[in-house]
């Protein structure tokens, strides 16, 4: 017995999960400010951490 290299749905290993329809494809949101958000989040976390440490 040969198995296909790529299954249609890798998560459907259990018999119950095989009966479910595949999950809908959600397009990835395009956002150009991910770097700015990450920087501001990191800066805020750094500021809160050290302000609680020293004050």
Protein backbone atom coordinates (compact mmCIF):
# COMPACT_ATOMS: atom_id res chain seq x y z
CA UNK A 1 0.00 0.00 0.00
CA UNK A 2 1.42 3.34 -1.01
CA UNK A 3 0.65 6.56 0.77
CA UNK A 4 0.51 9.90 -0.98
CA UNK A 5 3.30 12.24 0.03
CA UNK A 6 0.95 15.15 0.57
CA UNK A 7 -2.42 14.60 2.17
CA UNK A 8 -5.30 16.91 1.40
CA UNK A 9 -5.60 17.84 5.06
CA UNK A 10 -2.76 16.86 7.42
CA UNK A 11 -4.83 17.73 10.49
CA UNK A 12 -7.51 15.20 9.58
CA UNK A 13 -5.84 12.15 11.07
CA UNK A 14 -8.72 11.10 13.31
CA UNK A 15 -11.82 9.55 11.68
CA UNK A 16 -14.11 12.20 13.18
CA UNK A 17 -11.92 15.01 11.88
CA UNK A 18 -11.95 13.46 8.42
CA UNK A 19 -15.71 13.93 8.30
CA UNK A 20 -15.45 17.68 8.98
CA UNK A 21 -15.11 20.13 6.10
CA UNK A 22 -11.70 21.78 5.72
CA UNK A 23 -11.28 25.13 7.50
CA UNK A 24 -11.97 28.23 5.40
CA UNK A 25 -8.98 30.01 3.92
CA UNK A 26 -8.55 33.44 5.46
CA UNK A 27 -6.40 35.85 3.47
CA UNK A 28 -3.54 37.33 5.43
CA UNK A 29 -4.06 40.94 6.41
CA UNK A 30 -1.58 43.24 4.74
CA UNK A 31 -0.26 45.75 7.21
CA UNK A 32 2.73 47.96 6.60
CA UNK A 33 3.17 49.14 10.19
CA UNK A 34 4.12 45.83 11.81
CA UNK A 35 7.67 47.02 12.51
CA UNK A 36 6.42 50.23 14.14
CA UNK A 37 3.94 48.33 16.31
CA UNK A 38 6.60 45.84 17.38
CA UNK A 39 9.01 48.65 18.24
CA UNK A 40 6.41 50.55 20.27
CA UNK A 41 5.31 47.41 22.08
CA UNK A 42 8.92 46.50 22.92
CA UNK A 43 9.65 50.05 24.05
CA UNK A 44 6.58 50.12 26.29
CA UNK A 45 7.43 46.74 27.82
CA UNK A 46 11.01 47.85 28.43
CA UNK A 47 9.85 51.12 29.99
CA UNK A 48 7.30 49.45 32.28
CA UNK A 49 9.76 46.78 33.37
CA UNK A 50 12.56 49.16 34.29
CA UNK A 51 10.28 51.81 35.79
CA UNK A 52 8.84 49.22 38.17
CA UNK A 53 12.33 47.95 38.94
CA UNK A 54 13.79 51.37 39.84
CA UNK A 55 10.78 53.21 41.31
